[in-house]
Amino acid sequence: MAPKRQIKGGNIQELVNPSAYKSNLQALDFLRNFAAVIAGIVVGICGVVGWHGFIYHFLSQLACAGAMILKGCTKPSQYFVSWNTLLFHSALSSTTLLSYILFWMIFYNLCHVF
């Protein structure tokens, strides 16, 4: 188990409000799912096919993390336990990946097949 970071007399787990932390993670999940849906729609309309279409999913998740930083999360230690949480939490989860694939296929079929 990794050692706990000490912050001014207490550890970080004592300083985190669980309900606020859960709310922050839910907001991050919502933003990542929204970015996956929008990216799937754009990639489907553009007609991207094959495995290289997944590159756009990874780019959209990276852009999502960048948007969070630009939006006001320049000090993620105030909102999350670490930078890794902001950058990688649910970035490759089944929810975001399957939402991306669903909208990618729907809009590809609507624009290029039918």
PDB file of N, CA and C in Angstrom:
ATOM      1  N   MET A   1       0.840  -1.171   0.000  1.00  0.00           N
ATOM      2  CA  MET A   1       0.000   0.000   0.000  1.00  0.00           C
ATOM      3  C   MET A   1       0.895   1.247   0.000  1.00  0.00           C
ATOM      4  N   ALA A   2       0.544   2.210  -0.783  1.00  0.00           N
ATOM      5  CA  ALA A   2       1.337   3.428  -0.905  1.00  0.00           C
ATOM      6  C   ALA A   2       1.212   4.264   0.365  1.00  0.00           C
ATOM      7  N   PRO A   3       2.282   4.935   0.714  1.00  0.00           N
ATOM      8  CA  PRO A   3       2.195   5.787   1.906  1.00  0.00           C
ATOM      9  C   PRO A   3       1.249   6.953   1.670  1.00  0.00           C
ATOM     10  N   LYS A   4       0.574   7.361   2.709  1.00  0.00           N
ATOM     11  CA  LYS A   4      -0.377   8.469   2.617  1.00  0.00           C
ATOM     12  C   LYS A   4       0.380   9.790   2.732  1.00  0.00           C
ATOM     13  N   ARG A   5      -0.050  10.757   1.938  1.00  0.00           N
ATOM     14  CA  ARG A   5       0.599  12.064   1.975  1.00  0.00           C
ATOM     15  C   ARG A   5       0.168  12.819   3.221  1.00  0.00           C
ATOM     16  N   GLN A   6       1.091  13.458   3.847  1.00  0.00           N
ATOM     17  CA  GLN A   6       0.804  14.256   5.026  1.00  0.00           C
ATOM     18  C   GLN A   6       0.643  15.715   4.623  1.00  0.00           C
ATOM     19  N   ILE A   7      -0.437  16.330   5.070  1.00  0.00           N
ATOM     20  CA  ILE A   7      -0.683  17.738   4.766  1.00  0.00           C
ATOM     21  C   ILE A   7      -0.973  18.466   6.064  1.00  0.00           C
ATOM     22  N   LYS A   8      -0.037  19.258   6.513  1.00  0.00           N
ATOM     23  CA  LYS A   8      -0.188  20.136   7.671  1.00  0.00           C
ATOM     24  C   LYS A   8      -0.847  19.430   8.857  1.00  0.00           C
ATOM     25  N   GLY A   9      -0.251  18.351   9.294  1.00  0.00           N
ATOM     26  CA  GLY A   9      -0.720  17.693  10.504  1.00  0.00           C
ATOM     27  C   GLY A   9      -1.757  16.610  10.302  1.00  0.00           C
ATOM     28  N   GLY A  10      -2.282  16.417   9.116  1.00  0.00           N
ATOM     29  CA  GLY A  10      -3.287  15.384   8.881  1.00  0.00           C
ATOM     30  C   GLY A  10      -3.055  14.737   7.532  1.00  0.00           C
ATOM     31  N   ASN A  11      -3.657  13.588   7.301  1.00  0.00           N
ATOM     32  CA  ASN A  11      -3.481  12.991   5.986  1.00  0.00           C
ATOM     33  C   ASN A  11      -4.591  13.466   5.052  1.00  0.00           C
ATOM     34  N   ILE A  12      -4.410  13.196   3.790  1.00  0.00           N
ATOM     35  CA  ILE A  12      -5.313  13.755   2.784  1.00  0.00           C
ATOM     36  C   ILE A  12      -6.715  13.156   2.872  1.00  0.00           C
ATOM     37  N   GLN A  13      -6.839  11.899   3.319  1.00  0.00           N
ATOM     38  CA  GLN A  13      -8.152  11.291   3.422  1.00  0.00           C
ATOM     39  C   GLN A  13      -9.004  11.975   4.479  1.00  0.00           C
ATOM     40  N   GLU A  14      -8.397  12.561   5.481  1.00  0.00           N
ATOM     41  CA  GLU A  14      -9.153  13.281   6.498  1.00  0.00           C
ATOM     42  C   GLU A  14      -9.643  14.634   5.997  1.00  0.00           C
ATOM     43  N   LEU A  15      -9.015  15.157   4.952  1.00  0.00           N
ATOM     44  CA  LEU A  15      -9.369  16.475   4.437  1.00  0.00           C
ATOM     45  C   LEU A  15     -10.387  16.424   3.298  1.00  0.00           C
ATOM     46  N   VAL A  16     -10.694  15.251   2.785  1.00  0.00           N
ATOM     47  CA  VAL A  16     -11.591  15.125   1.644  1.00  0.00           C
ATOM     48  C   VAL A  16     -13.017  14.911   2.138  1.00  0.00           C
ATOM     49  N   ASN A  17     -13.920  15.744   1.642  1.00  0.00           N
ATOM     50  CA  ASN A  17     -15.340  15.580   1.923  1.00  0.00           C
ATOM     51  C   ASN A  17     -15.885  14.538   0.952  1.00  0.00           C
ATOM     52  N   PRO A  18     -16.351  13.365   1.436  1.00  0.00           N
ATOM     53  CA  PRO A  18     -16.762  12.296   0.527  1.00  0.00           C
ATOM     54  C   PRO A  18     -17.909  12.680  -0.410  1.00  0.00           C
ATOM     55  N   SER A  19     -18.866  13.435   0.056  1.00  0.00           N
ATOM     56  CA  SER A  19     -19.985  13.799  -0.827  1.00  0.00           C
ATOM     57  C   SER A  19     -19.544  14.784  -1.909  1.00  0.00           C
ATOM     58  N   ALA A  20     -18.665  15.707  -1.568  1.00  0.00           N
ATOM     59  CA  ALA A  20     -18.160  16.650  -2.576  1.00  0.00           C
ATOM     60  C   ALA A  20     -17.271  15.929  -3.583  1.00  0.00           C
ATOM     61  N   TYR A  21     -16.464  14.984  -3.102  1.00  0.00           N
ATOM     62  CA  TYR A  21     -15.594  14.223  -3.999  1.00  0.00           C
ATOM     63  C   TYR A  21     -16.428  13.378  -4.960  1.00  0.00           C
ATOM     64  N   LYS A  22     -17.490  12.757  -4.463  1.00  0.00           N
ATOM     65  CA  LYS A  22     -18.377  11.967  -5.304  1.00  0.00           C
ATOM     66  C   LYS A  22     -19.069  12.855  -6.339  1.00  0.00           C
ATOM     67  N   SER A  23     -19.471  14.030  -5.931  1.00  0.00           N
ATOM     68  CA  SER A  23     -20.093  14.966  -6.859  1.00  0.00           C
ATOM     69  C   SER A  23     -19.110  15.392  -7.956  1.00  0.00           C
ATOM     70  N   ASN A  24     -17.865  15.619  -7.598  1.00  0.00           N
ATOM     71  CA  ASN A  24     -16.848  15.992  -8.585  1.00  0.00           C
ATOM     72  C   ASN A  24     -16.606  14.857  -9.580  1.00  0.00           C
ATOM     73  N   LEU A  25     -16.581  13.611  -9.093  1.00  0.00           N
ATOM     74  CA  LEU A  25     -16.385  12.478  -9.988  1.00  0.00           C
ATOM     75  C   LEU A  25     -17.594  12.280 -10.904  1.00  0.00           C
ATOM     76  N   GLN A  26     -18.795  12.529 -10.397  1.00  0.00           N
ATOM     77  CA  GLN A  26     -19.985  12.423 -11.238  1.00  0.00           C
ATOM     78  C   GLN A  26     -19.989  13.490 -12.328  1.00  0.00           C
ATOM     79  N   ALA A  27     -19.552  14.688 -11.992  1.00  0.00           N
ATOM     80  CA  ALA A  27     -19.458  15.747 -13.005  1.00  0.00           C
ATOM     81  C   ALA A  27     -18.421  15.387 -14.062  1.00  0.00           C
ATOM     82  N   LEU A  28     -17.310  14.804 -13.638  1.00  0.00           N
ATOM     83  CA  LEU A  28     -16.281  14.377 -14.580  1.00  0.00           C
ATOM     84  C   LEU A  28     -16.791  13.249 -15.465  1.00  0.00           C
ATOM     85  N   ASP A  29     -17.529  12.302 -14.895  1.00  0.00           N
ATOM     86  CA  ASP A  29     -18.127  11.219 -15.691  1.00  0.00           C
ATOM     87  C   ASP A  29     -19.104  11.761 -16.723  1.00  0.00           C
ATOM     88  N   PHE A  30     -19.943  12.705 -16.316  1.00  0.00           N
ATOM     89  CA  PHE A  30     -20.911  13.300 -17.242  1.00  0.00           C
ATOM     90  C   PHE A  30     -20.193  13.997 -18.396  1.00  0.00           C
ATOM     91  N   LEU A  31     -19.156  14.759 -18.095  1.00  0.00           N
ATOM     92  CA  LEU A  31     -18.421  15.471 -19.136  1.00  0.00           C
ATOM     93  C   LEU A  31     -17.750  14.498 -20.086  1.00  0.00           C
ATOM     94  N   ARG A  32     -17.181  13.431 -19.557  1.00  0.00           N
ATOM     95  CA  ARG A  32     -16.521  12.444 -20.421  1.00  0.00           C
ATOM     96  C   ARG A  32     -17.532  11.723 -21.308  1.00  0.00           C
ATOM     97  N   ASN A  33     -18.694  11.380 -20.771  1.00  0.00           N
ATOM     98  CA  ASN A  33     -19.727  10.734 -21.582  1.00  0.00           C
ATOM     99  C   ASN A  33     -20.249  11.680 -22.659  1.00  0.00           C
ATOM    100  N   PHE A  34     -20.434  12.934 -22.304  1.00  0.00           N
ATOM    101  CA  PHE A  34     -20.893  13.928 -23.273  1.00  0.00           C
ATOM    102  C   PHE A  34     -19.864  14.098 -24.394  1.00  0.00           C
ATOM    103  N   ALA A  35     -18.585  14.151 -24.038  1.00  0.00           N
ATOM    104  CA  ALA A  35     -17.533  14.276 -25.047  1.00  0.00           C
ATOM    105  C   ALA A  35     -17.491  13.041 -25.942  1.00  0.00           C
ATOM    106  N   ALA A  36     -17.727  11.861 -25.370  1.00  0.00           N
ATOM    107  CA  ALA A  36     -17.730  10.638 -26.168  1.00  0.00           C
ATOM    108  C   ALA A  36     -18.898  10.631 -27.161  1.00  0.00           C
ATOM    109  N   VAL A  37     -20.059  11.089 -26.732  1.00  0.00           N
ATOM    110  CA  VAL A  37     -21.223  11.133 -27.619  1.00  0.00           C
ATOM    111  C   VAL A  37     -20.986  12.120 -28.759  1.00  0.00           C
ATOM    112  N   ILE A  38     -20.513  13.303 -28.435  1.00  0.00           N
ATOM    113  CA  ILE A  38     -20.252  14.315 -29.473  1.00  0.00           C
ATOM    114  C   ILE A  38     -19.181  13.837 -30.442  1.00  0.00           C
ATOM    115  N   ALA A  39     -18.120  13.221 -29.923  1.00  0.00           N
ATOM    116  CA  ALA A  39     -17.063  12.706 -30.797  1.00  0.00           C
ATOM    117  C   ALA A  39     -17.594  11.595 -31.687  1.00  0.00           C
ATOM    118  N   GLY A  40     -18.449  10.733 -31.155  1.00  0.00           N
ATOM    119  CA  GLY A  40     -19.041   9.674 -31.965  1.00  0.00           C
ATOM    120  C   GLY A  40     -19.905  10.217 -33.082  1.00  0.00           C
ATOM    121  N   ILE A  41     -20.667  11.259 -32.785  1.00  0.00           N
ATOM    122  CA  ILE A  41     -21.501  11.882 -33.812  1.00  0.00           C
ATOM    123  C   ILE A  41     -20.638  12.493 -34.918  1.00  0.00           C
ATOM    124  N   VAL A  42     -19.607  13.229 -34.531  1.00  0.00           N
ATOM    125  CA  VAL A  42     -18.736  13.888 -35.515  1.00  0.00           C
ATOM    126  C   VAL A  42     -17.999  12.865 -36.364  1.00  0.00           C
ATOM    127  N   VAL A  43     -17.462  11.836 -35.738  1.00  0.00           N
ATOM    128  CA  VAL A  43     -16.718  10.818 -36.483  1.00  0.00           C
ATOM    129  C   VAL A  43     -17.648  10.034 -37.402  1.00  0.00           C
ATOM    130  N   GLY A  44     -18.877   9.758 -36.947  1.00  0.00           N
ATOM    131  CA  GLY A  44     -19.833   9.063 -37.795  1.00  0.00           C
ATOM    132  C   GLY A  44     -20.224   9.883 -39.009  1.00  0.00           C
ATOM    133  N   ILE A  45     -20.449  11.172 -38.828  1.00  0.00           N
ATOM    134  CA  ILE A  45     -20.808  12.043 -39.947  1.00  0.00           C
ATOM    135  C   ILE A  45     -19.640  12.182 -40.926  1.00  0.00           C
ATOM    136  N   CYS A  46     -18.417  12.222 -40.393  1.00  0.00           N
ATOM    137  CA  CYS A  46     -17.242  12.337 -41.269  1.00  0.00           C
ATOM    138  C   CYS A  46     -16.952  11.051 -42.034  1.00  0.00           C
ATOM    139  N   GLY A  47     -17.535   9.941 -41.621  1.00  0.00           N
ATOM    140  CA  GLY A  47     -17.377   8.697 -42.368  1.00  0.00           C
ATOM    141  C   GLY A  47     -16.129   7.917 -42.038  1.00  0.00           C
ATOM    142  N   VAL A  48     -15.613   8.072 -40.862  1.00  0.00           N
ATOM    143  CA  VAL A  48     -14.425   7.329 -40.461  1.00  0.00           C
ATOM    144  C   VAL A  48     -14.804   5.871 -40.232  1.00  0.00           C
ATOM    145  N   VAL A  49     -14.004   4.951 -40.778  1.00  0.00           N
ATOM    146  CA  VAL A  49     -14.242   3.521 -40.587  1.00  0.00           C
ATOM    147  C   VAL A  49     -12.945   2.856 -40.141  1.00  0.00           C
ATOM    148  N   GLY A  50     -13.084   1.698 -39.535  1.00  0.00           N
ATOM    149  CA  GLY A  50     -11.914   0.921 -39.153  1.00  0.00           C
ATOM    150  C   GLY A  50     -11.433   1.236 -37.743  1.00  0.00           C
ATOM    151  N   TRP A  51     -10.339   0.568 -37.402  1.00  0.00           N
ATOM    152  CA  TRP A  51      -9.798   0.685 -36.051  1.00  0.00           C
ATOM    153  C   TRP A  51      -9.254   2.072 -35.753  1.00  0.00           C
ATOM    154  N   HIS A  52      -8.826   2.807 -36.759  1.00  0.00           N
ATOM    155  CA  HIS A  52      -8.265   4.129 -36.478  1.00  0.00           C
ATOM    156  C   HIS A  52      -9.337   5.123 -36.028  1.00  0.00           C
ATOM    157  N   GLY A  53     -10.600   4.740 -36.086  1.00  0.00           N
ATOM    158  CA  GLY A  53     -11.664   5.580 -35.539  1.00  0.00           C
ATOM    159  C   GLY A  53     -11.591   5.697 -34.029  1.00  0.00           C
ATOM    160  N   PHE A  54     -10.956   4.718 -33.385  1.00  0.00           N
ATOM    161  CA  PHE A  54     -10.821   4.767 -31.931  1.00  0.00           C
ATOM    162  C   PHE A  54      -9.802   5.809 -31.486  1.00  0.00           C
ATOM    163  N   ILE A  55      -8.947   6.221 -32.388  1.00  0.00           N
ATOM    164  CA  ILE A  55      -7.996   7.288 -32.061  1.00  0.00           C
ATOM    165  C   ILE A  55      -8.757   8.562 -31.704  1.00  0.00           C
ATOM    166  N   TYR A  56      -9.856   8.803 -32.393  1.00  0.00           N
ATOM    167  CA  TYR A  56     -10.649   9.998 -32.122  1.00  0.00           C
ATOM    168  C   TYR A  56     -11.321   9.937 -30.755  1.00  0.00           C
ATOM    169  N   HIS A  57     -11.640   8.739 -30.298  1.00  0.00           N
ATOM    170  CA  HIS A  57     -12.178   8.605 -28.947  1.00  0.00           C
ATOM    171  C   HIS A  57     -11.123   9.000 -27.913  1.00  0.00           C
ATOM    172  N   PHE A  58      -9.912   8.514 -28.103  1.00  0.00           N
ATOM    173  CA  PHE A  58      -8.846   8.855 -27.163  1.00  0.00           C
ATOM    174  C   PHE A  58      -8.519  10.342 -27.220  1.00  0.00           C
ATOM    175  N   LEU A  59      -8.554  10.931 -28.410  1.00  0.00           N
ATOM    176  CA  LEU A  59      -8.316  12.370 -28.539  1.00  0.00           C
ATOM    177  C   LEU A  59      -9.429  13.183 -27.873  1.00  0.00           C
ATOM    178  N   SER A  60     -10.662  12.711 -27.988  1.00  0.00           N
ATOM    179  CA  SER A  60     -11.762  13.439 -27.349  1.00  0.00           C
ATOM    180  C   SER A  60     -11.655  13.368 -25.825  1.00  0.00           C
ATOM    181  N   GLN A  61     -11.196  12.246 -25.309  1.00  0.00           N
ATOM    182  CA  GLN A  61     -11.018  12.141 -23.859  1.00  0.00           C
ATOM    183  C   GLN A  61      -9.861  13.012 -23.384  1.00  0.00           C
ATOM    184  N   LEU A  62      -8.820  13.123 -24.189  1.00  0.00           N
ATOM    185  CA  LEU A  62      -7.717  14.023 -23.870  1.00  0.00           C
ATOM    186  C   LEU A  62      -8.180  15.474 -23.930  1.00  0.00           C
ATOM    187  N   ALA A  63      -8.992  15.806 -24.923  1.00  0.00           N
ATOM    188  CA  ALA A  63      -9.543  17.161 -25.025  1.00  0.00           C
ATOM    189  C   ALA A  63     -10.470  17.458 -23.849  1.00  0.00           C
ATOM    190  N   CYS A  64     -11.160  16.444 -23.371  1.00  0.00           N
ATOM    191  CA  CYS A  64     -12.043  16.602 -22.217  1.00  0.00           C
ATOM    192  C   CYS A  64     -11.234  16.978 -20.978  1.00  0.00           C
ATOM    193  N   ALA A  65     -10.102  16.307 -20.780  1.00  0.00           N
ATOM    194  CA  ALA A  65      -9.236  16.652 -19.642  1.00  0.00           C
ATOM    195  C   ALA A  65      -8.689  18.067 -19.805  1.00  0.00           C
ATOM    196  N   GLY A  66      -8.323  18.432 -21.031  1.00  0.00           N
ATOM    197  CA  GLY A  66      -7.856  19.795 -21.285  1.00  0.00           C
ATOM    198  C   GLY A  66      -8.928  20.828 -21.026  1.00  0.00           C
ATOM    199  N   ALA A  67     -10.167  20.500 -21.387  1.00  0.00           N
ATOM    200  CA  ALA A  67     -11.277  21.418 -21.133  1.00  0.00           C
ATOM    201  C   ALA A  67     -11.519  21.597 -19.643  1.00  0.00           C
ATOM    202  N   MET A  68     -11.375  20.535 -18.893  1.00  0.00           N
ATOM    203  CA  MET A  68     -11.535  20.642 -17.432  1.00  0.00           C
ATOM    204  C   MET A  68     -10.471  21.555 -16.835  1.00  0.00           C
ATOM    205  N   ILE A  69      -9.259  21.435 -17.334  1.00  0.00           N
ATOM    206  CA  ILE A  69      -8.174  22.285 -16.828  1.00  0.00           C
ATOM    207  C   ILE A  69      -8.431  23.735 -17.202  1.00  0.00           C
ATOM    208  N   LEU A  70      -8.857  23.988 -18.454  1.00  0.00           N
ATOM    209  CA  LEU A  70      -9.135  25.352 -18.883  1.00  0.00           C
ATOM    210  C   LEU A  70     -10.366  25.936 -18.205  1.00  0.00           C
ATOM    211  N   LYS A  71     -11.331  25.087 -17.871  1.00  0.00           N
ATOM    212  CA  LYS A  71     -12.570  25.553 -17.250  1.00  0.00           C
ATOM    213  C   LYS A  71     -12.331  26.120 -15.857  1.00  0.00           C
ATOM    214  N   GLY A  72     -11.334  25.640 -15.184  1.00  0.00           N
ATOM    215  CA  GLY A  72     -11.075  26.191 -13.866  1.00  0.00           C
ATOM    216  C   GLY A  72     -10.454  25.224 -12.900  1.00  0.00           C
ATOM    217  N   CYS A  73     -10.116  24.059 -13.373  1.00  0.00           N
ATOM    218  CA  CYS A  73      -9.530  23.056 -12.494  1.00  0.00           C
ATOM    219  C   CYS A  73      -8.009  23.079 -12.635  1.00  0.00           C
ATOM    220  N   THR A  74      -7.425  24.267 -12.491  1.00  0.00           N
ATOM    221  CA  THR A  74      -5.976  24.378 -12.614  1.00  0.00           C
ATOM    222  C   THR A  74      -5.265  23.827 -11.390  1.00  0.00           C
ATOM    223  N   LYS A  75      -5.973  23.687 -10.295  1.00  0.00           N
ATOM    224  CA  LYS A  75      -5.418  23.076  -9.083  1.00  0.00           C
ATOM    225  C   LYS A  75      -6.295  21.869  -8.729  1.00  0.00           C
ATOM    226  N   PRO A  76      -6.059  20.736  -9.390  1.00  0.00           N
ATOM    227  CA  PRO A  76      -6.948  19.594  -9.166  1.00  0.00           C
ATOM    228  C   PRO A  76      -6.862  19.027  -7.757  1.00  0.00           C
ATOM    229  N   SER A  77      -5.837  19.383  -7.010  1.00  0.00           N
ATOM    230  CA  SER A  77      -5.755  18.886  -5.632  1.00  0.00           C
ATOM    231  C   SER A  77      -6.877  19.460  -4.771  1.00  0.00           C
ATOM    232  N   GLN A  78      -7.518  20.527  -5.215  1.00  0.00           N
ATOM    233  CA  GLN A  78      -8.659  21.076  -4.486  1.00  0.00           C
ATOM    234  C   GLN A  78      -9.929  20.279  -4.749  1.00  0.00           C
ATOM    235  N   TYR A  79     -10.001  19.586  -5.894  1.00  0.00           N
ATOM    236  CA  TYR A  79     -11.215  18.897  -6.289  1.00  0.00           C
ATOM    237  C   TYR A  79     -11.065  17.376  -6.323  1.00  0.00           C
ATOM    238  N   PHE A  80      -9.844  16.900  -6.606  1.00  0.00           N
ATOM    239  CA  PHE A  80      -9.574  15.474  -6.729  1.00  0.00           C
ATOM    240  C   PHE A  80      -8.359  15.134  -5.881  1.00  0.00           C
ATOM    241  N   VAL A  81      -8.154  13.844  -5.674  1.00  0.00           N
ATOM    242  CA  VAL A  81      -7.028  13.416  -4.846  1.00  0.00           C
ATOM    243  C   VAL A  81      -5.706  13.615  -5.583  1.00  0.00           C
ATOM    244  N   SER A  82      -5.697  13.417  -6.912  1.00  0.00           N
ATOM    245  CA  SER A  82      -4.465  13.569  -7.673  1.00  0.00           C
ATOM    246  C   SER A  82      -4.770  13.988  -9.103  1.00  0.00           C
ATOM    247  N   TRP A  83      -3.714  14.327  -9.846  1.00  0.00           N
ATOM    248  CA  TRP A  83      -3.848  14.659 -11.257  1.00  0.00           C
ATOM    249  C   TRP A  83      -4.332  13.455 -12.051  1.00  0.00           C
ATOM    250  N   ASN A  84      -3.915  12.260 -11.633  1.00  0.00           N
ATOM    251  CA  ASN A  84      -4.309  11.048 -12.353  1.00  0.00           C
ATOM    252  C   ASN A  84      -5.821  10.877 -12.384  1.00  0.00           C
ATOM    253  N   THR A  85      -6.482  11.284 -11.319  1.00  0.00           N
ATOM    254  CA  THR A  85      -7.941  11.185 -11.289  1.00  0.00           C
ATOM    255  C   THR A  85      -8.551  12.080 -12.356  1.00  0.00           C
ATOM    256  N   LEU A  86      -8.048  13.277 -12.484  1.00  0.00           N
ATOM    257  CA  LEU A  86      -8.568  14.200 -13.490  1.00  0.00           C
ATOM    258  C   LEU A  86      -8.283  13.703 -14.902  1.00  0.00           C
ATOM    259  N   LEU A  87      -7.101  13.176 -15.127  1.00  0.00           N
ATOM    260  CA  LEU A  87      -6.709  12.780 -16.477  1.00  0.00           C
ATOM    261  C   LEU A  87      -7.279  11.440 -16.917  1.00  0.00           C
ATOM    262  N   PHE A  88      -7.369  10.474 -15.996  1.00  0.00           N
ATOM    263  CA  PHE A  88      -7.671   9.111 -16.421  1.00  0.00           C
ATOM    264  C   PHE A  88      -8.951   8.517 -15.859  1.00  0.00           C
ATOM    265  N   HIS A  89      -9.631   9.175 -14.924  1.00  0.00           N
ATOM    266  CA  HIS A  89     -10.827   8.585 -14.340  1.00  0.00           C
ATOM    267  C   HIS A  89     -11.914   8.423 -15.398  1.00  0.00           C
ATOM    268  N   SER A  90     -12.337   7.212 -15.616  1.00  0.00           N
ATOM    269  CA  SER A  90     -13.382   6.803 -16.563  1.00  0.00           C
ATOM    270  C   SER A  90     -13.093   7.219 -18.010  1.00  0.00           C
ATOM    271  N   ALA A  91     -11.836   7.476 -18.333  1.00  0.00           N
ATOM    272  CA  ALA A  91     -11.506   7.830 -19.719  1.00  0.00           C
ATOM    273  C   ALA A  91     -11.680   6.637 -20.641  1.00  0.00           C
ATOM    274  N   LEU A  92     -11.408   5.448 -20.157  1.00  0.00           N
ATOM    275  CA  LEU A  92     -11.554   4.242 -20.967  1.00  0.00           C
ATOM    276  C   LEU A  92     -12.601   3.310 -20.377  1.00  0.00           C
ATOM    277  N   SER A  93     -13.574   3.866 -19.695  1.00  0.00           N
ATOM    278  CA  SER A  93     -14.607   3.030 -19.097  1.00  0.00           C
ATOM    279  C   SER A  93     -15.527   2.492 -20.183  1.00  0.00           C
ATOM    280  N   SER A  94     -16.258   1.457 -19.838  1.00  0.00           N
ATOM    281  CA  SER A  94     -17.155   0.849 -20.822  1.00  0.00           C
ATOM    282  C   SER A  94     -18.277   1.809 -21.213  1.00  0.00           C
ATOM    283  N   THR A  95     -18.698   2.659 -20.295  1.00  0.00           N
ATOM    284  CA  THR A  95     -19.787   3.587 -20.593  1.00  0.00           C
ATOM    285  C   THR A  95     -19.381   4.584 -21.673  1.00  0.00           C
ATOM    286  N   THR A  96     -18.224   5.189 -21.525  1.00  0.00           N
ATOM    287  CA  THR A  96     -17.803   6.172 -22.519  1.00  0.00           C
ATOM    288  C   THR A  96     -17.461   5.508 -23.845  1.00  0.00           C
ATOM    289  N   LEU A  97     -16.800   4.366 -23.802  1.00  0.00           N
ATOM    290  CA  LEU A  97     -16.408   3.698 -25.041  1.00  0.00           C
ATOM    291  C   LEU A  97     -17.626   3.177 -25.799  1.00  0.00           C
ATOM    292  N   LEU A  98     -18.570   2.587 -25.098  1.00  0.00           N
ATOM    293  CA  LEU A  98     -19.757   2.070 -25.776  1.00  0.00           C
ATOM    294  C   LEU A  98     -20.671   3.192 -26.270  1.00  0.00           C
ATOM    295  N   SER A  99     -20.726   4.302 -25.545  1.00  0.00           N
ATOM    296  CA  SER A  99     -21.497   5.452 -26.033  1.00  0.00           C
ATOM    297  C   SER A  99     -20.883   5.996 -27.309  1.00  0.00           C
ATOM    298  N   TYR A 100     -19.563   6.068 -27.339  1.00  0.00           N
ATOM    299  CA  TYR A 100     -18.860   6.533 -28.533  1.00  0.00           C
ATOM    300  C   TYR A 100     -19.164   5.622 -29.726  1.00  0.00           C
ATOM    301  N   ILE A 101     -19.047   4.311 -29.512  1.00  0.00           N
ATOM    302  CA  ILE A 101     -19.290   3.360 -30.599  1.00  0.00           C
ATOM    303  C   ILE A 101     -20.738   3.429 -31.067  1.00  0.00           C
ATOM    304  N   LEU A 102     -21.678   3.526 -30.140  1.00  0.00           N
ATOM    305  CA  LEU A 102     -23.095   3.592 -30.494  1.00  0.00           C
ATOM    306  C   LEU A 102     -23.394   4.776 -31.400  1.00  0.00           C
ATOM    307  N   PHE A 103     -22.971   5.967 -30.999  1.00  0.00           N
ATOM    308  CA  PHE A 103     -23.275   7.159 -31.798  1.00  0.00           C
ATOM    309  C   PHE A 103     -22.446   7.208 -33.078  1.00  0.00           C
ATOM    310  N   TRP A 104     -21.260   6.651 -33.039  1.00  0.00           N
ATOM    311  CA  TRP A 104     -20.440   6.564 -34.239  1.00  0.00           C
ATOM    312  C   TRP A 104     -21.158   5.721 -35.285  1.00  0.00           C
ATOM    313  N   MET A 105     -21.638   4.554 -34.901  1.00  0.00           N
ATOM    314  CA  MET A 105     -22.305   3.659 -35.844  1.00  0.00           C
ATOM    315  C   MET A 105     -23.664   4.198 -36.303  1.00  0.00           C
ATOM    316  N   ILE A 106     -24.424   4.783 -35.391  1.00  0.00           N
ATOM    317  CA  ILE A 106     -25.737   5.330 -35.766  1.00  0.00           C
ATOM    318  C   ILE A 106     -25.577   6.430 -36.805  1.00  0.00           C
ATOM    319  N   PHE A 107     -24.682   7.385 -36.549  1.00  0.00           N
ATOM    320  CA  PHE A 107     -24.556   8.507 -37.470  1.00  0.00           C
ATOM    321  C   PHE A 107     -23.813   8.133 -38.744  1.00  0.00           C
ATOM    322  N   TYR A 108     -22.938   7.131 -38.674  1.00  0.00           N
ATOM    323  CA  TYR A 108     -22.325   6.651 -39.918  1.00  0.00           C
ATOM    324  C   TYR A 108     -23.399   6.027 -40.807  1.00  0.00           C
ATOM    325  N   ASN A 109     -24.249   5.207 -40.213  1.00  0.00           N
ATOM    326  CA  ASN A 109     -25.312   4.552 -40.984  1.00  0.00           C
ATOM    327  C   ASN A 109     -26.316   5.565 -41.520  1.00  0.00           C
ATOM    328  N   LEU A 110     -26.661   6.564 -40.727  1.00  0.00           N
ATOM    329  CA  LEU A 110     -27.617   7.568 -41.180  1.00  0.00           C
ATOM    330  C   LEU A 110     -27.078   8.388 -42.357  1.00  0.00           C
ATOM    331  N   CYS A 111     -25.806   8.700 -42.318  1.00  0.00           N
ATOM    332  CA  CYS A 111     -25.246   9.594 -43.332  1.00  0.00           C
ATOM    333  C   CYS A 111     -24.677   8.870 -44.551  1.00  0.00           C
ATOM    334  N   HIS A 112     -24.163   7.663 -44.365  1.00  0.00           N
ATOM    335  CA  HIS A 112     -23.431   7.032 -45.469  1.00  0.00           C
ATOM    336  C   HIS A 112     -24.053   5.745 -45.982  1.00  0.00           C
ATOM    337  N   VAL A 113     -24.967   5.157 -45.251  1.00  0.00           N
ATOM    338  CA  VAL A 113     -25.564   3.907 -45.703  1.00  0.00           C
ATOM    339  C   VAL A 113     -26.982   4.144 -46.223  1.00  0.00           C
ATOM    340  N   PHE A 114     -27.773   4.875 -45.477  1.00  0.00           N
ATOM    341  CA  PHE A 114     -29.170   5.070 -45.864  1.00  0.00           C
ATOM    342  C   PHE A 114     -29.341   6.266 -46.731  1.00  0.00           C
TER     343      PHE A 114
END
